[in-house]
Amino acid sequence: MTNKSELEIRVYYEDTDTLGMVYHANYLKFFERGRSEHVRSKGYNQSDLFSELGLLFSVRKMNIDFIKPAQFEQVLIIETEITVAKGARLVFNQQARCKNSSEIYCKAEVKIACVDKETGKPTRLPEKFITEIVNA
C-alpha cells in the first residue's frame, strides 16, 4: 500500500470570502480533515488513540504556501502523506489541488506532537502504530 491518501472536498459557499474564493484559513480545516482521514485509512481513529492509549495529536508547527485561491463549487483533492513518524512526532506533507486540472492551490508541511492526555507532555508513538501508519 502507499503512504499517500486523497480526500475529495467540494468548496461550499461557507468556505469562501466575499469574492467567492476559499478564505485562506479554511485550508487548515481541509488539511485537518485530510490528516484525520489518512490516519483512519490506516485502521486507526483518533478517539480510540485517546481512549485506549491516552494519546492526543497536537499541531506543533505548520508551514503553508498559499499558491492560488480555489473557487466556490470547485472540487478539491486533499493529498496527504506522512514523511516522518518517530519518537513523539509525525510530519505530514499535504496539498490541495483541483480535481479536474490537478492545479495546486495550497501546500503545507504539518508537524504533529504526540502528547499524553494526562500530563500534556510529549510521549513516544507506539512502535506498532509507527509501523502500521507508515507501511499500511
Foldseek 3Di string as FASTA:
>chain_A
DAQKDKDKDWAAPVQDDPVQWGDVVCVVVVQVVRVQVLLVVLPDHQVCCCPPVQKDKDWDDKDKDQAATDGHGFMWMKMWGWPDAWFFKTWIWIWIATPVPRHTGMIMIIIIGIAGNVPRHGGGDDPVSSCSSHPD
